Protein backbone atom coordinates (compact mmCIF):
# COMPACT_ATOMS: atom_id res chain seq x y z
CA UNK A 1 -77.06 106.50 -3.22
CA UNK A 2 -79.02 108.63 -5.72
CA UNK A 3 -77.60 106.57 -8.60
CA UNK A 4 -78.81 103.25 -7.16
CA UNK A 5 -75.43 102.08 -5.90
CA UNK A 6 -74.09 100.85 -2.57
CA UNK A 7 -70.57 101.19 -1.19
CA UNK A 8 -69.01 98.39 0.84
CA UNK A 9 -65.47 98.78 2.18
CA UNK A 10 -64.10 95.39 1.04
CA UNK A 11 -65.41 95.53 -2.55
CA UNK A 12 -66.06 99.22 -3.26
CA UNK A 13 -68.99 100.69 -5.17
CA UNK A 14 -71.56 98.27 -6.57
CA UNK A 15 -74.52 99.30 -8.79
CA UNK A 16 -77.78 97.62 -7.75
CA UNK A 17 -80.22 99.88 -9.59
CA UNK A 18 -83.29 97.99 -10.79
CA UNK A 19 -82.28 94.73 -9.09
CA UNK A 20 -84.30 92.55 -6.75
CA UNK A 21 -82.92 91.61 -3.33
CA UNK A 22 -82.12 88.08 -4.51
CA UNK A 23 -80.26 89.47 -7.52
CA UNK A 24 -78.28 91.80 -5.25
CA UNK A 25 -77.37 88.79 -3.08
CA UNK A 26 -75.93 87.09 -6.14
CA UNK A 27 -73.97 90.17 -7.26
CA UNK A 28 -72.43 90.66 -3.80
CA UNK A 29 -71.68 86.94 -3.49
CA UNK A 30 -69.50 87.17 -6.59
CA UNK A 31 -67.82 90.39 -5.42
CA UNK A 32 -67.02 89.10 -1.94
CA UNK A 33 -65.89 85.67 -3.19
CA UNK A 34 -62.85 87.34 -4.73
CA UNK A 35 -61.48 88.06 -1.21
CA UNK A 36 -63.34 85.64 1.07
CA UNK A 37 -64.04 81.90 1.09
CA UNK A 38 -67.28 80.15 2.13
CA UNK A 39 -69.18 83.40 2.57
CA UNK A 40 -72.96 83.72 2.51
CA UNK A 41 -74.56 87.07 1.59
CA UNK A 42 -78.11 88.15 2.46
CA UNK A 43 -79.36 91.70 1.90
CA UNK A 44 -82.22 93.39 3.74
CA UNK A 45 -84.09 96.51 2.70
CA UNK A 46 -84.06 99.05 5.54
CA UNK A 47 -85.83 101.94 3.82
CA UNK A 48 -87.44 102.58 0.45
CA UNK A 49 -86.05 105.53 -1.47
CA UNK A 50 -88.67 108.13 -2.39
CA UNK A 51 -88.79 109.88 -5.75
CA UNK A 52 -91.24 111.94 -7.77
CA UNK A 53 -93.34 110.98 -10.77
CA UNK A 54 -95.89 113.13 -12.60
CA UNK A 55 -99.54 112.37 -13.26
CA UNK A 56 -101.23 114.35 -16.02
CA UNK A 57 -104.30 114.27 -18.24
CA UNK A 58 -107.87 113.45 -17.29
CA UNK A 59 -107.48 112.65 -13.58
CA UNK A 60 -109.08 114.36 -10.59
CA UNK A 61 -105.82 115.69 -9.12
CA UNK A 62 -102.98 115.91 -11.66
CA UNK A 63 -99.49 116.83 -10.50
CA UNK A 64 -96.27 115.49 -8.99
CA UNK A 65 -96.56 112.55 -6.59
CA UNK A 66 -93.87 111.38 -4.15
CA UNK A 67 -93.69 107.57 -4.43
CA UNK A 68 -91.44 104.54 -3.97
CA UNK A 69 -90.66 101.82 -6.49
CA UNK A 70 -93.39 99.64 -4.96
CA UNK A 71 -96.05 101.92 -6.45
CA UNK A 72 -97.93 100.74 -9.51
CA UNK A 73 -99.93 102.61 -12.14
CA UNK A 74 -103.09 101.68 -10.21
CA UNK A 75 -101.67 103.18 -6.99
CA UNK A 76 -100.86 106.43 -8.81
CA UNK A 77 -104.35 106.68 -10.30
CA UNK A 78 -105.98 106.03 -6.93
CA UNK A 79 -103.79 108.63 -5.20
CA UNK A 80 -104.68 111.14 -7.95
CA UNK A 81 -108.40 110.68 -7.35
CA UNK A 82 -109.10 108.34 -10.25
CA UNK A 83 -109.91 108.86 -13.92
CA UNK A 84 -112.44 111.54 -14.86
CA UNK A 85 -115.53 110.51 -16.86
CA UNK A 86 -113.96 112.22 -19.89
CA UNK A 87 -110.76 110.19 -19.51
CA UNK A 88 -109.75 106.90 -21.06
CA UNK A 89 -109.61 103.69 -19.04
CA UNK A 90 -107.90 101.81 -21.82
CA UNK A 91 -105.23 104.04 -23.37
CA UNK A 92 -103.42 105.09 -20.18
CA UNK A 93 -99.68 105.50 -20.76
CA UNK A 94 -96.61 105.37 -18.56
CA UNK A 95 -94.00 107.41 -20.44
CA UNK A 96 -90.47 106.39 -19.46
CA UNK A 97 -87.44 107.98 -21.16
CA UNK A 98 -89.23 108.17 -24.51
CA UNK A 99 -90.70 104.67 -24.22
CA UNK A 100 -94.46 104.26 -23.75
CA UNK A 101 -95.84 101.47 -21.56
CA UNK A 102 -99.58 100.97 -22.20
CA UNK A 103 -101.99 100.39 -19.30
CA UNK A 104 -105.50 99.03 -20.00
CA UNK A 105 -107.70 99.03 -16.90
CA UNK A 106 -110.15 96.64 -18.59
CA UNK A 107 -107.43 94.01 -18.11
CA UNK A 108 -108.02 94.36 -14.37
CA UNK A 109 -111.70 95.31 -14.14
CA UNK A 110 -113.12 92.87 -16.70
CA UNK A 111 -110.46 90.21 -17.35
CA UNK A 112 -108.99 89.98 -13.83
CA UNK A 113 -105.43 90.37 -15.09
CA UNK A 114 -102.84 91.80 -12.69
CA UNK A 115 -100.90 93.54 -15.47
CA UNK A 116 -101.90 97.11 -14.39
CA UNK A 117 -100.88 96.25 -10.82
CA UNK A 118 -97.57 94.77 -11.98
CA UNK A 119 -96.69 97.89 -13.98
CA UNK A 120 -94.44 99.58 -11.41
CA UNK A 121 -93.23 103.17 -11.76
CA UNK A 122 -89.65 104.39 -11.63
CA UNK A 123 -88.10 107.80 -11.14
CA UNK A 124 -88.85 110.23 -13.95
CA UNK A 125 -91.99 108.44 -15.17
CA UNK A 126 -94.99 110.39 -16.44
CA UNK A 127 -98.41 108.75 -16.19
CA UNK A 128 -100.75 110.24 -18.79
CA UNK A 129 -104.52 109.66 -19.02
CA UNK A 130 -105.75 110.77 -22.49
CA UNK A 131 -109.37 111.63 -23.38
CA UNK A 132 -111.75 108.72 -23.73
CA UNK A 133 -111.70 106.93 -27.06
CA UNK A 134 -114.60 105.59 -29.07
CA UNK A 135 -117.48 104.07 -27.11
CA UNK A 136 -120.29 101.65 -27.83
CA UNK A 137 -123.32 100.54 -25.83
CA UNK A 138 -124.53 97.01 -25.12
CA UNK A 139 -128.15 96.46 -24.10
CA UNK A 140 -130.87 93.84 -24.12
CA UNK A 141 -130.14 90.25 -23.13
CA UNK A 142 -126.62 90.78 -21.76
CA UNK A 143 -125.35 90.30 -18.20
CA UNK A 144 -123.67 93.73 -17.87
CA UNK A 145 -125.49 96.29 -20.01
CA UNK A 146 -123.64 99.57 -20.30
CA UNK A 147 -121.36 101.81 -22.33
CA UNK A 148 -117.86 100.47 -23.04
CA UNK A 149 -114.72 102.06 -24.40
CA UNK A 150 -113.46 100.29 -27.49
CA UNK A 151 -109.94 100.14 -28.91
CA UNK A 152 -109.21 100.25 -32.62
CA UNK A 153 -109.88 96.89 -34.23
CA UNK A 154 -112.14 95.55 -31.46
CA UNK A 155 -115.23 93.79 -32.71
CA UNK A 156 -118.85 92.99 -31.93
CA UNK A 157 -117.58 89.83 -30.24
CA UNK A 158 -115.33 91.92 -27.95
CA UNK A 159 -118.24 94.19 -27.01
CA UNK A 160 -120.43 91.19 -26.15
CA UNK A 161 -117.60 89.80 -24.03
CA UNK A 162 -117.22 93.11 -22.13
CA UNK A 163 -120.96 93.01 -21.46
CA UNK A 164 -120.65 89.56 -19.88
CA UNK A 165 -121.98 87.57 -22.81
CA UNK A 166 -125.57 86.65 -23.58
CA UNK A 167 -128.00 86.50 -20.66
CA UNK A 168 -130.11 83.57 -19.57
CA UNK A 169 -133.21 84.34 -21.65
CA UNK A 170 -131.87 82.71 -24.80
CA UNK A 171 -128.92 80.56 -25.69
CA UNK A 172 -128.48 81.99 -29.20
CA UNK A 173 -130.06 85.46 -29.19
CA UNK A 174 -130.18 87.59 -32.32
CA UNK A 175 -128.26 90.85 -32.55
CA UNK A 176 -129.27 94.26 -33.83
CA UNK A 177 -126.53 96.82 -34.22
CA UNK A 178 -127.70 100.43 -34.44
CA UNK A 179 -125.10 102.50 -36.26
CA UNK A 180 -125.19 106.19 -37.06
CA UNK A 181 -123.15 107.76 -39.86
CA UNK A 182 -123.66 111.51 -40.10
CA UNK A 183 -127.42 112.05 -40.29
CA UNK A 184 -128.12 108.49 -41.45
CA UNK A 185 -128.90 105.65 -39.02
CA UNK A 186 -128.80 102.00 -40.04
CA UNK A 187 -129.70 98.76 -38.30
CA UNK A 188 -127.47 95.74 -38.95
CA UNK A 189 -128.79 92.31 -38.02
CA UNK A 190 -126.91 89.16 -37.10
CA UNK A 191 -126.53 86.46 -34.43
CA UNK A 192 -123.98 85.48 -31.80
CA UNK A 193 -123.08 82.39 -33.82
CA UNK A 194 -122.60 84.37 -37.03
CA UNK A 195 -118.78 84.37 -37.30
CA UNK A 196 -118.68 87.06 -39.99
CA UNK A 197 -121.04 89.42 -38.17
CA UNK A 198 -119.42 89.23 -34.72
CA UNK A 199 -115.99 89.91 -36.25
CA UNK A 200 -117.22 93.24 -37.64
CA UNK A 201 -115.32 96.17 -36.09
CA UNK A 202 -117.35 98.29 -33.67
CA UNK A 203 -117.71 101.97 -34.61
CA UNK A 204 -117.92 104.96 -32.28
CA UNK A 205 -121.51 105.40 -31.07
CA UNK A 206 -122.72 101.90 -32.00
CA UNK A 207 -125.57 100.47 -29.93
CA UNK A 208 -125.64 96.68 -29.76
CA UNK A 209 -128.84 94.97 -28.65
CA UNK A 210 -129.09 91.25 -28.02
CA UNK A 211 -132.59 89.93 -28.54
CA UNK A 212 -134.35 86.87 -27.19
CA UNK A 213 -137.86 86.35 -28.41
CA UNK A 214 -139.50 89.73 -29.01
CA UNK A 215 -137.69 92.44 -30.92
CA UNK A 216 -135.52 94.39 -28.56
CA UNK A 217 -135.47 97.39 -30.90
CA UNK A 218 -139.26 97.55 -31.17
CA UNK A 219 -139.54 97.12 -27.39
CA UNK A 220 -137.16 99.95 -26.46
CA UNK A 221 -137.22 103.73 -26.44
CA UNK A 222 -134.34 106.18 -26.32
CA UNK A 223 -134.47 109.21 -24.02
CA UNK A 224 -132.32 112.26 -24.79
CA UNK A 225 -132.21 115.87 -23.63
CA UNK A 226 -131.88 117.63 -20.22
CA UNK A 227 -132.39 114.57 -17.99
CA UNK A 228 -130.17 112.94 -15.37
CA UNK A 229 -130.26 109.45 -16.90
CA UNK A 230 -130.51 109.53 -20.72
CA UNK A 231 -130.31 106.26 -22.61
CA UNK A 232 -132.30 103.20 -23.72
CA UNK A 233 -135.30 101.93 -21.71
CA UNK A 234 -137.52 98.91 -22.23
CA UNK A 235 -141.24 99.52 -22.56
CA UNK A 236 -142.03 96.53 -20.34
CA UNK A 237 -139.96 97.98 -17.47
CA UNK A 238 -141.44 101.49 -17.75
CA UNK A 239 -144.74 101.13 -19.66
CA UNK A 240 -146.11 104.67 -19.15
CA UNK A 241 -144.73 108.10 -20.00
CA UNK A 242 -145.03 109.20 -16.36
CA UNK A 243 -142.92 106.29 -15.15
CA UNK A 244 -140.31 106.97 -17.82
CA UNK A 245 -140.04 110.64 -16.81
CA UNK A 246 -139.57 109.66 -13.16
CA UNK A 247 -136.93 107.10 -14.10
CA UNK A 248 -134.88 109.46 -16.30
CA UNK A 249 -135.08 112.39 -13.83
CA UNK A 250 -136.00 115.65 -15.58
CA UNK A 251 -133.54 118.44 -14.73
CA UNK A 252 -134.74 121.73 -13.22
CA UNK A 253 -135.72 124.38 -15.76
CA UNK A 254 -136.74 121.89 -18.45
CA UNK A 255 -139.66 122.95 -20.62
CA UNK A 256 -142.14 120.13 -19.91
CA UNK A 257 -144.96 121.67 -21.98
CA UNK A 258 -143.35 121.00 -25.36
């Protein structure tokens, strides 16, 4: 029934809410054993009960979703169109009767953990996707260059790990960390085997560059403004201004004379 109970004539009403089928078998075995000898109980699920949960925050289609208890947080996000670019992938929350269950999609996407899949929803849950947290970029001699969302307390070592570790060009590349504080920019230097440096906490907006051989900072340019693909580019990959402008994709209406 709506309270998660079943009614059986010989034993009466039995609550099975939140139980697995094998657990229900055990409960009924005890109940029936009071009246019957040498009885074997096996339960079968005929139909899943539907209920509503709510998805809110930075998703494509927020709102109420009709689900069963086989749905996970990942299923809900997929049904709701996924997380918007402004939304967090790492601070997603399932709010259940005042208790918050955290969901970090990096566990699945980067670490291969099934935890987000195993986080099942129950009736009354609210899945909330907050705005994206602090971000940092990894470039240079890494296997997966890109921009990554960082949790509080995560370090240079964590960022390198998200980026797939050092590439093949050098076994122990140097590191330059570009950090901006207000109007002041600083460059911090270290190495992947420098235990103190790689344990430094990453700040919002940091740009980490792993170097092998030539200076990655001296060999890179940053493109900003009304373009489709702003970011860092290596001079060796796009050696001329014309090639850079083609690569970044100037948006219509841009003043190209200044």
